[in-house]
Amino acid sequence: MSVDNRRTAHKAVTGDSAPREVRRRPKNRRAQIAAASAAAFGALGYHGVSMEDIASGLGISSAALYRHYPSKYALFREELQRVGRAMTESVELPEEAANWLPERRLRYVLDALIAVTIENRPTVTLVRWEGRYLEPEDHTVLIEQQDKVLGALGAHLSALRPTLSENDIRVLRLTMLSTVTSIADHHAALPAKSLARLLAAASWAIAETELPQEQATADAPNAIEIPDSFKHELLLHKAVQLFHDRGYPNVSVEDIASAAGLSAASAVYRFYRGKSDLLAAAFRRAAERVSGAIGPAVAAAGNCEDALVSLIDQYVTGSFSERALTFVYYTEFQHVPQDERTVLRNIQRLSVEEWARLLRDVRPELSPAEARFLIHAAFAVVVDLGRAFGSEPMAGQARVALLMQVVLFGRPAHS
């Protein structure tokens, strides 16, 4: 307990041996618990954290924690819904906004949403990636909250640009929300005011984007056909699909063996040391796909913008062809063994640094940190549009690639 939370009783009688320390519960204990739990869940995932972990981080007993929350799930649910409410309240306009022009309304809503997201960055991570572990009724509440935020963004965007189609509104509003909330996907640091300005500028560039025409047919990813004899590759593919569909904690080695046509779980261990080894192998493949593309793209391009355009196209194509892996990479990273996690983080960090170096050559006004934030935002747009629209033409590869360009350059790339 900190010094601020201690109070010392005065001596009642001269000669008393020593003042007696009186411990009082801090008035903001629930807020402290919420902050600690958000950080823990965000770092380790819902399944990776216990009530004992949270209590230990706060320096209190588990019994004291249970006095405030009856279970880990109750704490998890309350924190997600609290931030969901804060985000929905942020997109509500004040009464005087009735006389505002559409541009001012959209800017107001964006600024308020950005401020709430920055303030609640650890918990926004949970909203983005751990909400699927809510019970159905609670998950419905979370979806309704997100829909309200998207609805407000879409309504103000439609008022600003009345000629946009409904599909274009849906794509652009989600891209704005993805860009703002992408700050929860990484740990890069930037002062709040600078970050707010950066996110607002990127969001406004998205709002002004002219999307290309939808393709007549969807960009359906090529079906991956792996011969049954290639068990090593088949296990990897089936494991990623199961992790995507059910979540890593809810998949067993037996499930993976069955999906791959193996008679027993023990057969898996001839190829991989266990479930986490499968996850690490898949993640290494995804990370190396991104890092391996950088050198050839730079060598073949005439300038840094051309190199980034090439990298964007390759990133989008790779993501479309491996939708499940792209999603799992964001949601299950904390389940990779620590030694592999360090290696993967280094590969990812170096890739982001190379992309950021190219971007700063195109936009020298950006600081290194600002460039990194935009790189992460562009990556987030791909996964968010993919999980929202799948292979629907409204979010086809050409459109997604253009939106990545807008996030990074603040405009479409020069042709």
Protein backbone atom coordinates (compact mmCIF):
# COMPACT_ATOMS: atom_id res chain seq x y z
CA MET A 1 0.00 0.00 0.00
CA SER A 2 1.39 3.41 -0.90
CA VAL A 3 2.07 6.20 1.54
CA ASP A 4 -0.94 8.11 0.17
CA ASN A 5 -3.24 5.33 1.34
CA ARG A 6 -2.01 5.25 4.90
CA ARG A 7 -3.39 7.19 7.81
CA THR A 8 -1.84 7.24 11.28
CA ALA A 9 -3.99 7.48 14.42
CA HIS A 10 -2.96 10.17 16.90
CA LYS A 11 -1.82 9.17 20.36
CA ALA A 12 -4.74 9.30 22.75
CA VAL A 13 -2.61 9.30 25.88
CA THR A 14 0.90 10.60 26.40
CA GLY A 15 3.28 7.71 26.68
CA ASP A 16 1.47 5.39 24.25
CA SER A 17 4.02 3.07 22.71
CA ALA A 18 3.55 3.88 19.00
CA PRO A 19 0.98 5.29 16.65
CA ARG A 20 -1.34 2.66 15.20
CA GLU A 21 -1.55 2.51 11.43
CA VAL A 22 -5.13 2.62 10.15
CA ARG A 23 -5.53 1.25 6.62
CA ARG A 24 -8.31 2.64 4.50
CA ARG A 25 -9.49 1.46 1.15
CA PRO A 26 -8.81 4.02 -1.58
CA LYS A 27 -11.95 5.64 -2.91
CA ASN A 28 -10.96 4.85 -6.48
CA ARG A 29 -10.26 1.15 -5.90
CA ARG A 30 -12.66 0.01 -8.64
CA ALA A 31 -10.99 2.35 -11.11
CA GLN A 32 -7.59 0.95 -10.09
CA ILE A 33 -8.87 -2.59 -10.57
CA ALA A 34 -10.30 -1.71 -13.98
CA ALA A 35 -7.01 -0.20 -15.13
CA ALA A 36 -4.95 -3.12 -13.85
CA SER A 37 -7.25 -5.70 -15.38
CA ALA A 38 -7.32 -3.92 -18.73
CA ALA A 39 -3.52 -3.92 -18.85
CA ALA A 40 -3.35 -7.59 -17.87
CA PHE A 41 -6.05 -8.77 -20.27
CA GLY A 42 -4.57 -6.67 -23.05
CA ALA A 43 -1.12 -8.17 -22.56
CA LEU A 44 -2.03 -11.81 -21.94
CA GLY A 45 -5.57 -12.19 -23.24
CA TYR A 46 -8.68 -13.08 -21.29
CA HIS A 47 -7.70 -16.73 -20.85
CA GLY A 48 -4.14 -15.91 -19.84
CA VAL A 49 -5.03 -13.88 -16.75
CA SER A 50 -6.35 -15.02 -13.37
CA MET A 51 -7.94 -13.04 -10.57
CA GLU A 52 -4.82 -13.83 -8.55
CA ASP A 53 -2.67 -12.17 -11.22
CA ILE A 54 -4.77 -9.01 -11.11
CA ALA A 55 -4.82 -8.93 -7.32
CA SER A 56 -1.07 -9.43 -7.15
CA GLY A 57 -0.51 -6.58 -9.58
CA LEU A 58 -2.54 -4.30 -7.33
CA GLY A 59 -0.84 -5.46 -4.16
CA ILE A 60 -4.08 -6.76 -2.65
CA SER A 61 -5.40 -10.19 -1.79
CA SER A 62 -7.66 -12.23 -4.04
CA ALA A 63 -10.33 -12.02 -1.34
CA ALA A 64 -10.21 -8.22 -1.51
CA LEU A 65 -10.59 -8.35 -5.28
CA TYR A 66 -13.58 -10.67 -5.03
CA ARG A 67 -15.31 -8.14 -2.77
CA HIS A 68 -15.52 -5.88 -5.81
CA TYR A 69 -16.07 -8.45 -8.55
CA PRO A 70 -17.53 -11.95 -8.16
CA SER A 71 -15.48 -13.42 -11.01
CA LYS A 72 -12.89 -12.73 -13.67
CA TYR A 73 -15.62 -12.72 -16.27
CA ALA A 74 -17.61 -10.05 -14.41
CA LEU A 75 -14.53 -7.82 -14.36
CA PHE A 76 -13.82 -8.51 -18.03
CA ARG A 77 -17.40 -7.78 -19.08
CA GLU A 78 -17.68 -4.58 -17.07
CA GLU A 79 -14.46 -3.17 -18.47
CA LEU A 80 -15.39 -3.88 -22.09
CA GLN A 81 -18.85 -2.46 -21.71
CA ARG A 82 -17.54 0.59 -19.86
CA VAL A 83 -15.29 1.51 -22.75
CA GLY A 84 -18.02 0.63 -25.22
CA ARG A 85 -20.29 3.13 -23.50
CA ALA A 86 -17.56 5.75 -23.46
CA MET A 87 -17.06 5.35 -27.20
CA THR A 88 -20.77 5.57 -27.98
CA GLU A 89 -21.14 8.64 -25.78
CA SER A 90 -18.20 10.27 -27.56
CA VAL A 91 -20.04 10.29 -30.89
CA GLU A 92 -23.10 12.07 -29.47
CA LEU A 93 -23.33 15.70 -30.55
CA PRO A 94 -24.14 18.57 -28.17
CA GLU A 95 -27.41 20.46 -28.63
CA GLU A 96 -25.72 23.40 -30.36
CA ALA A 97 -24.53 21.07 -33.11
CA ALA A 98 -27.96 21.31 -34.73
CA ASN A 99 -26.73 24.45 -36.50
CA TRP A 100 -23.33 23.09 -37.47
CA LEU A 101 -22.27 22.25 -40.99
CA PRO A 102 -21.62 18.54 -41.78
CA GLU A 103 -17.84 19.02 -41.80
CA ARG A 104 -17.81 20.46 -38.30
CA ARG A 105 -20.04 17.65 -37.02
CA LEU A 106 -17.81 14.95 -38.42
CA ARG A 107 -14.66 16.62 -37.12
CA TYR A 108 -16.21 16.97 -33.66
CA VAL A 109 -17.19 13.30 -33.54
CA LEU A 110 -13.79 12.16 -34.79
CA ASP A 111 -11.93 14.30 -32.26
CA ALA A 112 -14.08 13.01 -29.38
CA LEU A 113 -13.74 9.40 -30.48
CA ILE A 114 -9.98 9.75 -30.81
CA ALA A 115 -9.69 11.27 -27.33
CA VAL A 116 -11.66 8.43 -25.73
CA THR A 117 -9.64 5.81 -27.62
CA ILE A 118 -6.32 7.30 -26.52
CA GLU A 119 -7.52 7.56 -22.92
CA ASN A 120 -8.64 3.92 -22.88
CA ARG A 121 -5.98 2.40 -25.11
CA PRO A 122 -5.40 -0.83 -23.07
CA THR A 123 -9.10 -1.70 -22.94
CA VAL A 124 -9.67 -0.88 -26.61
CA THR A 125 -7.35 -3.83 -27.22
CA LEU A 126 -9.92 -6.03 -25.49
CA VAL A 127 -12.80 -4.54 -27.47
CA ARG A 128 -10.96 -5.23 -30.73
CA TRP A 129 -9.66 -8.75 -30.11
CA GLU A 130 -11.05 -10.33 -26.94
CA GLY A 131 -14.74 -9.42 -27.21
CA ARG A 132 -15.51 -12.76 -28.82
CA TYR A 133 -15.05 -14.39 -25.41
CA LEU A 134 -18.07 -12.56 -24.01
CA GLU A 135 -21.24 -14.53 -23.42
CA PRO A 136 -23.71 -14.16 -26.33
CA GLU A 137 -25.94 -11.64 -24.57
CA ASP A 138 -22.98 -9.50 -23.53
CA HIS A 139 -21.37 -9.81 -26.94
CA THR A 140 -24.59 -8.49 -28.47
CA VAL A 141 -24.32 -5.40 -26.27
CA LEU A 142 -20.75 -4.85 -27.44
CA ILE A 143 -21.77 -5.19 -31.10
CA GLU A 144 -24.63 -2.71 -30.56
CA GLN A 145 -22.17 -0.23 -29.07
CA GLN A 146 -19.83 -0.59 -32.03
CA ASP A 147 -22.73 -0.25 -34.45
CA LYS A 148 -23.72 3.02 -32.81
CA VAL A 149 -20.22 4.41 -33.30
CA LEU A 150 -20.15 3.29 -36.94
CA GLY A 151 -23.66 4.63 -37.45
CA ALA A 152 -22.66 8.09 -36.23
CA LEU A 153 -19.55 8.18 -38.40
CA GLY A 154 -21.56 7.02 -41.38
CA ALA A 155 -24.38 9.52 -40.86
CA HIS A 156 -22.04 12.51 -40.68
CA LEU A 157 -19.99 11.25 -43.61
CA SER A 158 -23.14 10.81 -45.67
CA ALA A 159 -24.24 14.36 -44.84
CA LEU A 160 -20.83 15.64 -45.89
CA ARG A 161 -20.73 13.57 -49.09
CA PRO A 162 -24.35 12.84 -50.08
CA THR A 163 -23.41 11.24 -53.41
CA LEU A 164 -21.57 8.35 -51.79
CA SER A 165 -23.18 4.94 -52.10
CA GLU A 166 -24.23 3.01 -49.02
CA ASN A 167 -21.43 0.51 -49.59
CA ASP A 168 -18.84 3.26 -49.87
CA ILE A 169 -20.09 4.77 -46.61
CA ARG A 170 -19.80 1.40 -44.87
CA VAL A 171 -16.23 0.89 -46.08
CA LEU A 172 -15.03 4.41 -45.30
CA ARG A 173 -16.58 4.62 -41.83
CA LEU A 174 -15.05 1.31 -40.80
CA THR A 175 -11.68 2.38 -42.18
CA MET A 176 -11.83 5.52 -40.05
CA LEU A 177 -12.73 3.53 -36.93
CA SER A 178 -10.03 0.98 -37.69
CA THR A 179 -7.41 3.70 -38.06
CA VAL A 180 -8.36 5.29 -34.75
CA THR A 181 -8.54 2.06 -32.75
CA SER A 182 -5.39 0.60 -34.34
CA ILE A 183 -3.37 2.27 -31.59
CA ALA A 184 -4.48 -0.62 -29.38
CA ASP A 185 -2.63 -3.15 -31.55
CA HIS A 186 0.90 -2.11 -30.60
CA HIS A 187 2.96 -0.33 -27.95
CA ALA A 188 4.53 2.52 -29.89
CA ALA A 189 4.54 5.76 -27.90
CA LEU A 190 3.60 9.29 -28.90
CA PRO A 191 2.38 12.29 -26.85
CA ALA A 192 -1.41 12.34 -26.71
CA LYS A 193 -1.81 15.67 -28.53
CA SER A 194 0.51 14.65 -31.34
CA LEU A 195 -1.21 11.28 -31.65
CA ALA A 196 -4.66 12.91 -31.74
CA ARG A 197 -3.58 15.23 -34.55
CA LEU A 198 -2.08 12.35 -36.51
CA LEU A 199 -5.19 10.18 -36.20
CA ALA A 200 -7.50 13.07 -37.04
CA ALA A 201 -5.54 13.90 -40.20
CA ALA A 202 -5.50 10.27 -41.31
CA SER A 203 -9.23 9.87 -40.60
CA TRP A 204 -10.06 13.01 -42.55
CA ALA A 205 -8.02 11.83 -45.52
CA ILE A 206 -10.06 8.62 -45.45
CA ALA A 207 -13.32 10.58 -45.30
CA GLU A 208 -12.35 12.43 -48.47
CA THR A 209 -11.24 9.33 -50.40
CA GLU A 210 -12.75 8.54 -53.79
CA LEU A 211 -12.95 4.78 -53.92
CA PRO A 212 -12.55 2.92 -57.21
CA GLN A 213 -15.57 1.16 -58.66
CA GLU A 214 -16.47 -2.15 -57.08
CA GLN A 215 -15.32 -5.11 -59.11
CA ALA A 216 -18.08 -7.16 -60.72
CA THR A 217 -16.87 -10.28 -58.89
CA ALA A 218 -15.46 -10.67 -55.43
CA ASP A 219 -11.78 -11.25 -54.79
CA ALA A 220 -12.28 -14.76 -53.47
CA PRO A 221 -9.06 -16.17 -52.02
CA ASN A 222 -7.72 -19.22 -53.75
CA ALA A 223 -8.66 -22.39 -51.91
CA ILE A 224 -5.61 -23.98 -50.36
CA GLU A 225 -5.42 -27.62 -51.36
CA ILE A 226 -2.80 -29.61 -49.49
CA PRO A 227 -2.27 -33.29 -50.24
CA ASP A 228 -2.99 -35.54 -47.29
CA SER A 229 0.55 -36.86 -47.55
CA PHE A 230 1.95 -33.42 -46.61
CA LYS A 231 0.96 -33.81 -42.97
CA HIS A 232 3.36 -31.15 -41.72
CA GLU A 233 1.73 -28.49 -43.90
CA LEU A 234 -1.78 -29.86 -43.48
CA LEU A 235 -1.53 -29.70 -39.69
CA LEU A 236 -0.38 -26.10 -39.87
CA HIS A 237 -3.23 -25.08 -42.14
CA LYS A 238 -5.91 -26.88 -40.11
CA ALA A 239 -4.58 -25.53 -36.82
CA VAL A 240 -4.72 -21.92 -38.02
CA GLN A 241 -8.27 -22.40 -39.26
CA LEU A 242 -9.35 -23.84 -35.93
CA PHE A 243 -7.62 -21.07 -33.99
CA HIS A 244 -9.46 -18.57 -36.17
CA ASP A 245 -12.87 -20.20 -35.75
CA ARG A 246 -12.77 -21.08 -32.04
CA GLY A 247 -9.92 -19.14 -30.46
CA TYR A 248 -6.61 -20.73 -29.46
CA PRO A 249 -7.61 -21.60 -25.85
CA ASN A 250 -10.64 -23.54 -27.11
CA VAL A 251 -8.72 -25.79 -29.52
CA SER A 252 -7.02 -29.01 -28.41
CA VAL A 253 -4.31 -31.07 -30.05
CA GLU A 254 -6.97 -33.75 -30.51
CA ASP A 255 -9.09 -31.26 -32.49
CA ILE A 256 -6.16 -30.45 -34.76
CA ALA A 257 -5.32 -34.10 -35.30
CA SER A 258 -8.90 -34.90 -36.20
CA ALA A 259 -9.16 -31.99 -38.64
CA ALA A 260 -5.99 -33.17 -40.37
CA GLY A 261 -7.24 -36.74 -40.63
CA LEU A 262 -4.87 -38.21 -38.06
CA SER A 263 -6.05 -41.10 -35.94
CA ALA A 264 -4.70 -39.82 -32.63
CA ALA A 265 -3.31 -36.66 -31.05
CA SER A 266 0.01 -38.41 -30.53
CA ALA A 267 0.55 -38.34 -34.29
CA VAL A 268 0.78 -34.55 -34.16
CA TYR A 269 3.91 -34.76 -32.02
CA ARG A 270 5.82 -36.41 -34.86
CA PHE A 271 5.69 -33.05 -36.63
CA TYR A 272 5.27 -30.39 -33.90
CA ARG A 273 6.10 -30.24 -30.22
CA GLY A 274 2.59 -29.11 -29.39
CA LYS A 275 -0.17 -26.64 -30.04
CA SER A 276 1.93 -23.58 -29.28
CA ASP A 277 4.62 -24.83 -31.67
CA LEU A 278 2.05 -24.89 -34.47
CA LEU A 279 1.03 -21.34 -33.63
CA ALA A 280 4.63 -20.14 -33.59
CA ALA A 281 5.35 -21.80 -36.95
CA ALA A 282 2.34 -20.09 -38.53
CA PHE A 283 3.30 -16.71 -37.10
CA ARG A 284 6.88 -17.02 -38.25
CA ARG A 285 5.64 -17.69 -41.76
CA ALA A 286 3.40 -14.61 -41.68
CA ALA A 287 6.15 -12.37 -40.30
CA GLU A 288 8.74 -13.58 -42.78
CA ARG A 289 6.34 -13.10 -45.68
CA VAL A 290 6.17 -9.40 -44.83
CA SER A 291 9.85 -8.95 -44.06
CA GLY A 292 11.01 -10.94 -47.07
CA ALA A 293 9.14 -8.71 -49.49
CA ILE A 294 10.93 -5.50 -48.50
CA GLY A 295 14.31 -6.00 -50.16
CA PRO A 296 13.01 -7.03 -53.59
CA ALA A 297 10.40 -4.25 -53.58
CA VAL A 298 12.98 -1.58 -52.81
CA ALA A 299 15.42 -2.96 -55.38
CA ALA A 300 12.80 -2.99 -58.15
CA ALA A 301 11.25 0.42 -57.40
CA GLY A 302 12.30 3.75 -58.78
CA ASN A 303 11.62 5.60 -55.52
CA CYS A 304 10.37 5.04 -51.99
CA GLU A 305 6.73 5.71 -52.84
CA ASP A 306 6.82 3.11 -55.59
CA ALA A 307 8.44 0.66 -53.19
CA LEU A 308 5.70 1.20 -50.62
CA VAL A 309 2.98 0.82 -53.24
CA SER A 310 4.52 -2.51 -54.22
CA LEU A 311 4.71 -3.59 -50.58
CA ILE A 312 1.10 -2.55 -50.02
CA ASP A 313 -0.07 -4.62 -52.98
CA GLN A 314 1.88 -7.65 -51.79
CA TYR A 315 0.61 -7.24 -48.23
CA VAL A 316 -3.00 -7.05 -49.36
CA THR A 317 -2.63 -10.02 -51.70
CA GLY A 318 -1.00 -12.12 -48.97
CA SER A 319 -3.65 -11.16 -46.44
CA PHE A 320 -6.47 -12.00 -48.82
CA SER A 321 -4.97 -15.41 -49.54
CA GLU A 322 -4.50 -16.20 -45.83
CA ARG A 323 -7.42 -14.50 -44.10
CA ALA A 324 -7.43 -16.82 -41.10
CA LEU A 325 -3.71 -16.42 -40.43
CA THR A 326 -3.91 -12.63 -40.69
CA PHE A 327 -6.67 -12.55 -38.07
CA VAL A 328 -5.03 -15.10 -35.77
CA TYR A 329 -1.77 -13.15 -35.84
CA TYR A 330 -3.56 -10.26 -34.12
CA THR A 331 -5.67 -12.26 -31.68
CA GLU A 332 -3.44 -15.05 -30.40
CA PHE A 333 0.06 -13.59 -30.22
CA GLN A 334 0.20 -13.85 -26.44
CA HIS A 335 -0.05 -17.66 -26.68
CA VAL A 336 3.23 -18.01 -28.58
CA PRO A 337 6.07 -19.29 -26.34
CA GLN A 338 8.14 -16.45 -24.90
CA ASP A 339 11.33 -17.24 -26.81
CA GLU A 340 9.47 -17.38 -30.12
CA ARG A 341 7.55 -14.24 -29.20
CA THR A 342 10.81 -12.35 -28.87
CA VAL A 343 12.00 -13.51 -32.27
CA LEU A 344 8.67 -12.65 -33.91
CA ARG A 345 8.57 -9.22 -32.29
CA ASN A 346 12.04 -8.49 -33.62
CA ILE A 347 11.04 -9.51 -37.15
CA GLN A 348 7.89 -7.39 -36.95
CA ARG A 349 9.73 -4.42 -35.46
CA LEU A 350 12.35 -4.47 -38.19
CA SER A 351 9.66 -4.72 -40.88
CA VAL A 352 7.75 -1.78 -39.44
CA GLU A 353 10.97 0.23 -39.21
CA GLU A 354 11.74 -0.43 -42.88
CA TRP A 355 8.23 0.57 -43.96
CA ALA A 356 8.47 3.66 -41.73
CA ARG A 357 11.84 4.62 -43.23
CA LEU A 358 10.35 4.47 -46.73
CA LEU A 359 7.31 6.45 -45.59
CA ARG A 360 9.41 9.21 -44.03
CA ASP A 361 11.24 9.60 -47.33
CA VAL A 362 7.85 10.26 -48.95
CA ARG A 363 6.59 12.36 -46.01
CA PRO A 364 9.62 13.94 -44.30
CA GLU A 365 7.35 15.95 -41.99
CA LEU A 366 6.55 12.76 -40.05
CA SER A 367 8.56 11.81 -36.99
CA PRO A 368 9.76 8.19 -36.73
CA ALA A 369 7.06 7.48 -34.14
CA GLU A 370 4.31 9.04 -36.27
CA ALA A 371 5.38 6.95 -39.25
CA ARG A 372 5.23 3.78 -37.13
CA PHE A 373 1.71 4.59 -35.95
CA LEU A 374 0.56 5.02 -39.54
CA ILE A 375 2.16 1.74 -40.60
CA HIS A 376 0.30 -0.10 -37.86
CA ALA A 377 -2.92 1.70 -38.82
CA ALA A 378 -2.56 0.63 -42.44
CA PHE A 379 -2.03 -2.99 -41.39
CA ALA A 380 -5.10 -2.82 -39.15
CA VAL A 381 -7.29 -1.56 -41.99
CA VAL A 382 -6.57 -4.73 -43.96
CA VAL A 383 -7.53 -7.12 -41.17
CA ASP A 384 -10.58 -5.10 -40.08
CA LEU A 385 -12.04 -4.78 -43.56
CA GLY A 386 -11.34 -8.45 -44.13
CA ARG A 387 -13.14 -9.65 -41.03
CA ALA A 388 -16.06 -7.27 -41.60
CA PHE A 389 -16.67 -7.83 -45.32
CA GLY A 390 -14.76 -10.98 -46.24
CA SER A 391 -14.46 -11.16 -50.00
CA GLU A 392 -17.38 -8.86 -50.80
CA PRO A 393 -16.62 -6.56 -53.77
CA MET A 394 -17.09 -3.43 -51.66
CA ALA A 395 -13.84 -4.34 -49.88
CA GLY A 396 -11.95 -5.86 -52.80
CA GLN A 397 -8.18 -5.83 -53.06
CA ALA A 398 -7.92 -2.66 -55.16
CA ARG A 399 -10.03 -0.72 -52.66
CA VAL A 400 -8.18 -2.02 -49.63
CA ALA A 401 -4.82 -1.23 -51.22
CA LEU A 402 -5.98 2.31 -52.01
CA LEU A 403 -7.11 2.83 -48.42
CA MET A 404 -3.73 1.66 -47.15
CA GLN A 405 -2.15 4.28 -49.43
CA VAL A 406 -4.44 6.98 -48.04
CA VAL A 407 -3.64 6.06 -44.44
CA LEU A 408 0.09 6.16 -45.13
CA PHE A 409 0.44 9.01 -47.60
CA GLY A 410 -2.61 11.06 -46.66
CA ARG A 411 -3.70 10.64 -50.30
CA PRO A 412 -3.73 8.02 -53.06
CA ALA A 413 -0.30 7.16 -54.43
CA HIS A 414 0.87 9.04 -57.51
CA SER A 415 0.21 6.94 -60.60
